[in-house]
Amino acid sequence: MPNPLPWRWRAFCTGWNAPDTGPGLTKTGKALVRLCNALGIMIDLSHINEAGFDDVAALSDAPLVATHSNAHALCPSPRNLTDRQLHMIRETGGMVGLNFATFFLNPDGRSDTHLGWDTILHHLDHMIAVLGEDHVGLGSDFDGCVVPDLIGDVTGVPRLLRALSAHGYDDALLRKLARENWLACLERTWKWTCAEPAHPGGQAGPQHWIPVAKAAVSGPVSFNASGCVTVSDTAGRSPAG
């Protein structure tokens, strides 16, 4: 049975993975952006091409976010972000998470795991210089990518933080990179409204807040009778799965 995931990607964006090649979002993809905005769902741009990135930037009223990408100026991988894109992300109050994958760090794109801290630090220095220290975080990419031997796995993150400290990053900046910037960006992205208490006699409060979306949704993305989201392609078909 064919995997439906690639079909879904084609439904949303007809370009794939290169910063400067391929067309952008389809009609359904644009509707999905509007739906995510209405629901307060963060849109991750790390796997989109440049035309798709620009389409999202033109449509979205939320911070632009690439959760695991690096600087194209230092490693010209199609998965990394150009300085133009970094500036656009900063202008929206968005975020970029440093990707630990060696082929997105090494200038030649090789998966050599013996790289030193300098290669990683150069990417962070560059992104902080362009984005500002409030718009950069750790993005990792541990789920199957080849990472530097110096990090290895999640237990190596403290070693990375110590290397950043030795490089001159102070404790306040380390906290921003490790967690504070991500939390602040999520707060800028989420949109909530206070709903009625979910249980008799309860008090309405943060634990009962829900996203408001129906009024903002039109086109091929809609809600069915049960309140579930339905996404159709341009021919009106609903993706399977």
C-alpha atoms as a PDB file:
ATOM      1  CA  MET A   1       0.000   0.000   0.000  1.00  0.00           C
ATOM      2  CA  PRO A   2       1.554   3.337  -0.997  1.00  0.00           C
ATOM      3  CA  ASN A   3       2.495   5.779   1.727  1.00  0.00           C
ATOM      4  CA  PRO A   4      -0.006   8.671   1.682  1.00  0.00           C
ATOM      5  CA  LEU A   5       2.421  11.143   3.283  1.00  0.00           C
ATOM      6  CA  PRO A   6       4.190  12.277   0.076  1.00  0.00           C
ATOM      7  CA  TRP A   7       0.767  12.822  -1.512  1.00  0.00           C
ATOM      8  CA  ARG A   8      -0.204  15.054   1.377  1.00  0.00           C
ATOM      9  CA  TRP A   9       2.944  17.074   0.961  1.00  0.00           C
ATOM     10  CA  ARG A  10       2.154  17.552  -2.736  1.00  0.00           C
ATOM     11  CA  ALA A  11      -1.317  18.701  -1.768  1.00  0.00           C
ATOM     12  CA  PHE A  12       0.100  21.477   0.380  1.00  0.00           C
ATOM     13  CA  CYS A  13       3.287  22.508  -1.445  1.00  0.00           C
ATOM     14  CA  THR A  14       4.361  21.523  -4.943  1.00  0.00           C
ATOM     15  CA  GLY A  15       7.992  22.507  -4.362  1.00  0.00           C
ATOM     16  CA  TRP A  16      10.298  20.431  -2.197  1.00  0.00           C
ATOM     17  CA  ASN A  17      13.403  21.039  -0.179  1.00  0.00           C
ATOM     18  CA  ALA A  18      15.392  23.553  -2.273  1.00  0.00           C
ATOM     19  CA  PRO A  19      15.604  27.210  -1.262  1.00  0.00           C
ATOM     20  CA  ASP A  20      15.410  28.578  -4.807  1.00  0.00           C
ATOM     21  CA  THR A  21      13.663  25.983  -7.002  1.00  0.00           C
ATOM     22  CA  GLY A  22      10.128  24.770  -7.515  1.00  0.00           C
ATOM     23  CA  PRO A  23       6.730  26.422  -7.165  1.00  0.00           C
ATOM     24  CA  GLY A  24       5.114  27.324  -3.878  1.00  0.00           C
ATOM     25  CA  LEU A  25       1.925  26.506  -2.026  1.00  0.00           C
ATOM     26  CA  THR A  26      -1.105  25.000  -3.676  1.00  0.00           C
ATOM     27  CA  LYS A  27      -4.604  26.319  -3.023  1.00  0.00           C
ATOM     28  CA  THR A  28      -4.990  23.694  -0.320  1.00  0.00           C
ATOM     29  CA  GLY A  29      -1.669  24.641   1.210  1.00  0.00           C
ATOM     30  CA  LYS A  30      -2.748  28.257   1.455  1.00  0.00           C
ATOM     31  CA  ALA A  31      -5.981  27.176   3.116  1.00  0.00           C
ATOM     32  CA  LEU A  32      -3.959  25.104   5.561  1.00  0.00           C
ATOM     33  CA  VAL A  33      -1.879  28.153   6.505  1.00  0.00           C
ATOM     34  CA  ARG A  34      -5.062  30.106   7.259  1.00  0.00           C
ATOM     35  CA  LEU A  35      -6.407  27.223   9.318  1.00  0.00           C
ATOM     36  CA  CYS A  36      -3.194  26.900  11.334  1.00  0.00           C
ATOM     37  CA  ASN A  37      -3.256  30.634  12.000  1.00  0.00           C
ATOM     38  CA  ALA A  38      -6.845  30.421  13.183  1.00  0.00           C
ATOM     39  CA  LEU A  39      -6.098  27.474  15.463  1.00  0.00           C
ATOM     40  CA  GLY A  40      -2.892  28.980  16.823  1.00  0.00           C
ATOM     41  CA  ILE A  41      -0.823  26.107  15.374  1.00  0.00           C
ATOM     42  CA  MET A  42       2.844  26.849  14.750  1.00  0.00           C
ATOM     43  CA  ILE A  43       3.839  26.303  11.103  1.00  0.00           C
ATOM     44  CA  ASP A  44       7.281  24.733  10.738  1.00  0.00           C
ATOM     45  CA  LEU A  45       9.124  25.980   7.618  1.00  0.00           C
ATOM     46  CA  SER A  46      12.267  23.866   7.926  1.00  0.00           C
ATOM     47  CA  HIS A  47      11.308  21.485   5.090  1.00  0.00           C
ATOM     48  CA  ILE A  48       9.801  23.958   2.644  1.00  0.00           C
ATOM     49  CA  ASN A  49      11.391  25.492  -0.443  1.00  0.00           C
ATOM     50  CA  GLU A  50      11.933  29.211  -0.950  1.00  0.00           C
ATOM     51  CA  ALA A  51       8.779  29.842  -2.973  1.00  0.00           C
ATOM     52  CA  GLY A  52       6.697  28.039  -0.373  1.00  0.00           C
ATOM     53  CA  PHE A  53       8.437  29.988   2.390  1.00  0.00           C
ATOM     54  CA  ASP A  54       7.550  33.248   0.675  1.00  0.00           C
ATOM     55  CA  ASP A  55       3.931  32.138   0.230  1.00  0.00           C
ATOM     56  CA  VAL A  56       3.612  31.356   3.936  1.00  0.00           C
ATOM     57  CA  ALA A  57       5.253  34.675   4.822  1.00  0.00           C
ATOM     58  CA  ALA A  58       2.745  36.544   2.644  1.00  0.00           C
ATOM     59  CA  LEU A  59      -0.263  34.736   4.118  1.00  0.00           C
ATOM     60  CA  SER A  60       0.553  34.106   7.761  1.00  0.00           C
ATOM     61  CA  ASP A  61      -0.094  36.503  10.607  1.00  0.00           C
ATOM     62  CA  ALA A  62       1.938  34.331  13.014  1.00  0.00           C
ATOM     63  CA  PRO A  63       5.679  34.293  13.680  1.00  0.00           C
ATOM     64  CA  LEU A  64       7.644  32.481  10.977  1.00  0.00           C
ATOM     65  CA  VAL A  65       9.423  29.477  12.477  1.00  0.00           C
ATOM     66  CA  ALA A  66      11.980  26.965  11.197  1.00  0.00           C
ATOM     67  CA  THR A  67      12.472  24.517  14.046  1.00  0.00           C
ATOM     68  CA  HIS A  68      15.607  22.781  12.740  1.00  0.00           C
ATOM     69  CA  SER A  69      17.574  24.666  10.079  1.00  0.00           C
ATOM     70  CA  ASN A  70      20.978  26.329   9.810  1.00  0.00           C
ATOM     71  CA  ALA A  71      22.663  29.160   7.912  1.00  0.00           C
ATOM     72  CA  HIS A  72      22.783  28.738   4.136  1.00  0.00           C
ATOM     73  CA  ALA A  73      25.623  31.273   4.056  1.00  0.00           C
ATOM     74  CA  LEU A  74      27.840  28.748   5.871  1.00  0.00           C
ATOM     75  CA  CYS A  75      26.481  25.479   4.457  1.00  0.00           C
ATOM     76  CA  PRO A  76      24.617  25.859   1.134  1.00  0.00           C
ATOM     77  CA  SER A  77      22.271  22.960   1.762  1.00  0.00           C
ATOM     78  CA  PRO A  78      18.736  23.326   0.407  1.00  0.00           C
ATOM     79  CA  ARG A  79      17.542  22.692   3.975  1.00  0.00           C
ATOM     80  CA  ASN A  80      19.280  25.773   5.342  1.00  0.00           C
ATOM     81  CA  LEU A  81      18.032  29.357   5.376  1.00  0.00           C
ATOM     82  CA  THR A  82      19.376  32.292   3.412  1.00  0.00           C
ATOM     83  CA  ASP A  83      20.073  35.558   5.180  1.00  0.00           C
ATOM     84  CA  ARG A  84      17.032  37.038   3.425  1.00  0.00           C
ATOM     85  CA  GLN A  85      14.850  34.365   5.010  1.00  0.00           C
ATOM     86  CA  LEU A  86      16.475  34.888   8.403  1.00  0.00           C
ATOM     87  CA  HIS A  87      15.679  38.603   8.222  1.00  0.00           C
ATOM     88  CA  MET A  88      12.055  37.813   7.349  1.00  0.00           C
ATOM     89  CA  ILE A  89      11.787  35.461  10.324  1.00  0.00           C
ATOM     90  CA  ARG A  90      13.167  38.132  12.652  1.00  0.00           C
ATOM     91  CA  GLU A  91      10.694  40.728  11.350  1.00  0.00           C
ATOM     92  CA  THR A  92       7.773  38.500  12.366  1.00  0.00           C
ATOM     93  CA  GLY A  93       9.121  37.706  15.832  1.00  0.00           C
ATOM     94  CA  GLY A  94       9.842  34.135  14.746  1.00  0.00           C
ATOM     95  CA  MET A  95      12.473  31.546  15.565  1.00  0.00           C
ATOM     96  CA  VAL A  96      15.114  29.281  14.054  1.00  0.00           C
ATOM     97  CA  GLY A  97      16.352  26.171  15.846  1.00  0.00           C
ATOM     98  CA  LEU A  98      19.938  25.031  15.270  1.00  0.00           C
ATOM     99  CA  ASN A  99      20.005  21.697  13.423  1.00  0.00           C
ATOM    100  CA  PHE A 100      22.600  19.203  14.702  1.00  0.00           C
ATOM    101  CA  ALA A 101      22.698  17.126  11.484  1.00  0.00           C
ATOM    102  CA  THR A 102      26.261  17.094  10.162  1.00  0.00           C
ATOM    103  CA  PHE A 103      25.255  17.514   6.508  1.00  0.00           C
ATOM    104  CA  PHE A 104      23.493  20.775   7.408  1.00  0.00           C
ATOM    105  CA  LEU A 105      26.499  21.977   9.425  1.00  0.00           C
ATOM    106  CA  ASN A 106      29.566  21.026   7.366  1.00  0.00           C
ATOM    107  CA  PRO A 107      30.375  23.627   4.671  1.00  0.00           C
ATOM    108  CA  ASP A 108      30.766  20.854   2.089  1.00  0.00           C
ATOM    109  CA  GLY A 109      27.578  19.077   3.140  1.00  0.00           C
ATOM    110  CA  ARG A 110      29.353  15.867   4.118  1.00  0.00           C
ATOM    111  CA  SER A 111      28.035  13.660   6.926  1.00  0.00           C
ATOM    112  CA  ASP A 112      31.454  13.585   8.620  1.00  0.00           C
ATOM    113  CA  THR A 113      30.800  13.239  12.345  1.00  0.00           C
ATOM    114  CA  HIS A 114      34.294  14.313  13.436  1.00  0.00           C
ATOM    115  CA  LEU A 115      33.650  18.035  13.159  1.00  0.00           C
ATOM    116  CA  GLY A 116      34.634  20.279  16.055  1.00  0.00           C
ATOM    117  CA  TRP A 117      32.663  22.772  18.077  1.00  0.00           C
ATOM    118  CA  ASP A 118      33.776  25.622  15.803  1.00  0.00           C
ATOM    119  CA  THR A 119      31.539  24.461  12.958  1.00  0.00           C
ATOM    120  CA  ILE A 120      28.491  24.465  15.218  1.00  0.00           C
ATOM    121  CA  LEU A 121      29.455  27.742  16.846  1.00  0.00           C
ATOM    122  CA  HIS A 122      29.849  29.473  13.479  1.00  0.00           C
ATOM    123  CA  HIS A 123      26.246  28.679  12.604  1.00  0.00           C
ATOM    124  CA  LEU A 124      24.959  29.914  15.959  1.00  0.00           C
ATOM    125  CA  ASP A 125      27.083  33.062  15.793  1.00  0.00           C
ATOM    126  CA  HIS A 126      25.799  33.807  12.301  1.00  0.00           C
ATOM    127  CA  MET A 127      22.149  33.208  13.124  1.00  0.00           C
ATOM    128  CA  ILE A 128      22.347  35.300  16.296  1.00  0.00           C
ATOM    129  CA  ALA A 129      24.054  38.098  14.336  1.00  0.00           C
ATOM    130  CA  VAL A 130      21.263  38.153  11.736  1.00  0.00           C
ATOM    131  CA  LEU A 131      18.233  37.191  13.848  1.00  0.00           C
ATOM    132  CA  GLY A 132      19.162  38.540  17.249  1.00  0.00           C
ATOM    133  CA  GLU A 133      19.564  36.465  20.398  1.00  0.00           C
ATOM    134  CA  ASP A 134      15.806  36.395  21.073  1.00  0.00           C
ATOM    135  CA  HIS A 135      15.026  34.466  17.884  1.00  0.00           C
ATOM    136  CA  VAL A 136      17.432  31.510  17.944  1.00  0.00           C
ATOM    137  CA  GLY A 137      17.198  28.216  19.844  1.00  0.00           C
ATOM    138  CA  LEU A 138      18.358  24.605  19.803  1.00  0.00           C
ATOM    139  CA  GLY A 139      16.554  22.510  17.190  1.00  0.00           C
ATOM    140  CA  SER A 140      18.484  19.195  17.336  1.00  0.00           C
ATOM    141  CA  ASP A 141      17.045  16.684  14.741  1.00  0.00           C
ATOM    142  CA  PHE A 142      17.925  13.559  16.708  1.00  0.00           C
ATOM    143  CA  ASP A 143      15.327  11.362  15.007  1.00  0.00           C
ATOM    144  CA  GLY A 144      17.515   9.571  12.492  1.00  0.00           C
ATOM    145  CA  CYS A 145      20.015  12.224  11.382  1.00  0.00           C
ATOM    146  CA  VAL A 146      23.777  11.880  11.718  1.00  0.00           C
ATOM    147  CA  VAL A 147      24.966  14.203  14.479  1.00  0.00           C
ATOM    148  CA  PRO A 148      28.495  15.223  15.516  1.00  0.00           C
ATOM    149  CA  ASP A 149      30.378  12.793  17.745  1.00  0.00           C
ATOM    150  CA  LEU A 150      30.822  15.636  20.227  1.00  0.00           C
ATOM    151  CA  ILE A 151      27.056  15.597  20.817  1.00  0.00           C
ATOM    152  CA  GLY A 152      26.116  12.003  20.002  1.00  0.00           C
ATOM    153  CA  ASP A 153      22.580  12.080  21.418  1.00  0.00           C
ATOM    154  CA  VAL A 154      20.482  14.108  23.814  1.00  0.00           C
ATOM    155  CA  THR A 155      22.903  13.376  26.661  1.00  0.00           C
ATOM    156  CA  GLY A 156      25.455  15.450  24.752  1.00  0.00           C
ATOM    157  CA  VAL A 157      23.439  18.675  24.933  1.00  0.00           C
ATOM    158  CA  PRO A 158      25.058  19.680  28.263  1.00  0.00           C
ATOM    159  CA  ARG A 159      28.444  19.354  26.519  1.00  0.00           C
ATOM    160  CA  LEU A 160      27.198  21.703  23.815  1.00  0.00           C
ATOM    161  CA  LEU A 161      26.037  24.208  26.417  1.00  0.00           C
ATOM    162  CA  ARG A 162      29.430  24.074  28.119  1.00  0.00           C
ATOM    163  CA  ALA A 163      31.103  24.703  24.736  1.00  0.00           C
ATOM    164  CA  LEU A 164      28.824  27.695  24.184  1.00  0.00           C
ATOM    165  CA  SER A 165      29.714  29.009  27.633  1.00  0.00           C
ATOM    166  CA  ALA A 166      33.420  28.636  26.887  1.00  0.00           C
ATOM    167  CA  HIS A 167      32.794  30.477  23.597  1.00  0.00           C
ATOM    168  CA  GLY A 168      31.518  33.470  25.566  1.00  0.00           C
ATOM    169  CA  TYR A 169      27.749  32.938  25.715  1.00  0.00           C
ATOM    170  CA  ASP A 170      26.565  34.034  29.169  1.00  0.00           C
ATOM    171  CA  ASP A 171      24.022  32.198  31.309  1.00  0.00           C
ATOM    172  CA  ALA A 172      21.166  34.460  30.218  1.00  0.00           C
ATOM    173  CA  LEU A 173      21.799  33.682  26.552  1.00  0.00           C
ATOM    174  CA  LEU A 174      22.135  29.950  27.242  1.00  0.00           C
ATOM    175  CA  ARG A 175      18.720  29.965  28.935  1.00  0.00           C
ATOM    176  CA  LYS A 176      17.247  31.727  25.918  1.00  0.00           C
ATOM    177  CA  LEU A 177      18.716  29.211  23.487  1.00  0.00           C
ATOM    178  CA  ALA A 178      17.752  26.184  25.566  1.00  0.00           C
ATOM    179  CA  ARG A 179      14.159  27.065  26.403  1.00  0.00           C
ATOM    180  CA  GLU A 180      13.098  30.670  26.957  1.00  0.00           C
ATOM    181  CA  ASN A 181      13.031  31.738  23.310  1.00  0.00           C
ATOM    182  CA  TRP A 182      10.932  28.724  22.314  1.00  0.00           C
ATOM    183  CA  LEU A 183       8.432  29.318  25.095  1.00  0.00           C
ATOM    184  CA  ALA A 184       8.127  32.995  24.185  1.00  0.00           C
ATOM    185  CA  CYS A 185       7.631  32.169  20.507  1.00  0.00           C
ATOM    186  CA  LEU A 186       4.923  29.641  21.322  1.00  0.00           C
ATOM    187  CA  GLU A 187       3.122  32.283  23.375  1.00  0.00           C
ATOM    188  CA  ARG A 188       3.294  34.676  20.414  1.00  0.00           C
ATOM    189  CA  THR A 189       1.874  31.969  18.145  1.00  0.00           C
ATOM    190  CA  TRP A 190      -0.969  30.557  20.231  1.00  0.00           C
ATOM    191  CA  LYS A 191      -4.380  32.210  20.020  1.00  0.00           C
ATOM    192  CA  TRP A 192      -6.822  31.411  22.759  1.00  0.00           C
ATOM    193  CA  THR A 193     -10.266  32.392  23.932  1.00  0.00           C
ATOM    194  CA  CYS A 194     -11.881  31.542  27.244  1.00  0.00           C
ATOM    195  CA  ALA A 195     -14.560  28.865  26.879  1.00  0.00           C
ATOM    196  CA  GLU A 196     -17.302  27.817  29.259  1.00  0.00           C
ATOM    197  CA  PRO A 197     -16.185  25.580  32.149  1.00  0.00           C
ATOM    198  CA  ALA A 198     -15.805  21.962  31.022  1.00  0.00           C
ATOM    199  CA  HIS A 199     -17.462  20.551  34.163  1.00  0.00           C
ATOM    200  CA  PRO A 200     -20.460  21.575  36.315  1.00  0.00           C
ATOM    201  CA  GLY A 201     -19.600  24.211  38.873  1.00  0.00           C
ATOM    202  CA  GLY A 202     -16.121  24.674  37.432  1.00  0.00           C
ATOM    203  CA  GLN A 203     -14.439  27.988  36.817  1.00  0.00           C
ATOM    204  CA  ALA A 204     -13.462  29.112  33.351  1.00  0.00           C
ATOM    205  CA  GLY A 205      -9.718  29.530  33.187  1.00  0.00           C
ATOM    206  CA  PRO A 206      -6.565  28.622  31.288  1.00  0.00           C
ATOM    207  CA  GLN A 207      -7.204  24.885  31.655  1.00  0.00           C
ATOM    208  CA  HIS A 208     -10.433  25.340  29.681  1.00  0.00           C
ATOM    209  CA  TRP A 209      -9.231  27.695  26.958  1.00  0.00           C
ATOM    210  CA  ILE A 210      -9.771  26.549  23.395  1.00  0.00           C
ATOM    211  CA  PRO A 211      -8.637  27.890  19.990  1.00  0.00           C
ATOM    212  CA  VAL A 212     -11.215  29.726  17.926  1.00  0.00           C
ATOM    213  CA  ALA A 213     -11.092  28.876  14.240  1.00  0.00           C
ATOM    214  CA  LYS A 214     -14.393  28.272  12.464  1.00  0.00           C
ATOM    215  CA  ALA A 215     -14.997  31.899  11.568  1.00  0.00           C
ATOM    216  CA  ALA A 216     -11.599  32.108   9.866  1.00  0.00           C
ATOM    217  CA  VAL A 217     -11.796  28.908   7.820  1.00  0.00           C
ATOM    218  CA  SER A 218     -12.967  28.897   4.207  1.00  0.00           C
ATOM    219  CA  GLY A 219     -12.124  27.116   0.981  1.00  0.00           C
ATOM    220  CA  PRO A 220     -10.993  23.491   0.826  1.00  0.00           C
ATOM    221  CA  VAL A 221     -10.356  23.308   4.580  1.00  0.00           C
ATOM    222  CA  SER A 222     -13.516  22.911   6.633  1.00  0.00           C
ATOM    223  CA  PHE A 223     -15.082  21.378   9.730  1.00  0.00           C
ATOM    224  CA  ASN A 224     -17.328  18.330   9.487  1.00  0.00           C
ATOM    225  CA  ALA A 225     -20.430  17.706  11.593  1.00  0.00           C
ATOM    226  CA  SER A 226     -18.334  16.311  14.446  1.00  0.00           C
ATOM    227  CA  GLY A 227     -16.128  19.396  14.570  1.00  0.00           C
ATOM    228  CA  CYS A 228     -13.150  17.612  12.992  1.00  0.00           C
ATOM    229  CA  VAL A 229     -11.022  19.333  10.379  1.00  0.00           C
ATOM    230  CA  THR A 230     -11.308  18.159   6.768  1.00  0.00           C
ATOM    231  CA  VAL A 231      -8.620  19.137   4.248  1.00  0.00           C
ATOM    232  CA  SER A 232      -9.439  18.575   0.567  1.00  0.00           C
ATOM    233  CA  ASP A 233      -7.202  18.927  -2.455  1.00  0.00           C
ATOM    234  CA  THR A 234      -8.058  21.258  -5.333  1.00  0.00           C
ATOM    235  CA  ALA A 235     -10.331  18.593  -6.844  1.00  0.00           C
ATOM    236  CA  GLY A 236     -12.334  18.404  -3.629  1.00  0.00           C
ATOM    237  CA  ARG A 237     -10.975  15.043  -2.487  1.00  0.00           C
ATOM    238  CA  SER A 238     -10.073  14.446   1.142  1.00  0.00           C
ATOM    239  CA  PRO A 239      -6.598  12.922   1.734  1.00  0.00           C
ATOM    240  CA  ALA A 240      -6.653   9.382   3.073  1.00  0.00           C
ATOM    241  CA  GLY A 241      -5.087   8.475   6.405  1.00  0.00           C
END
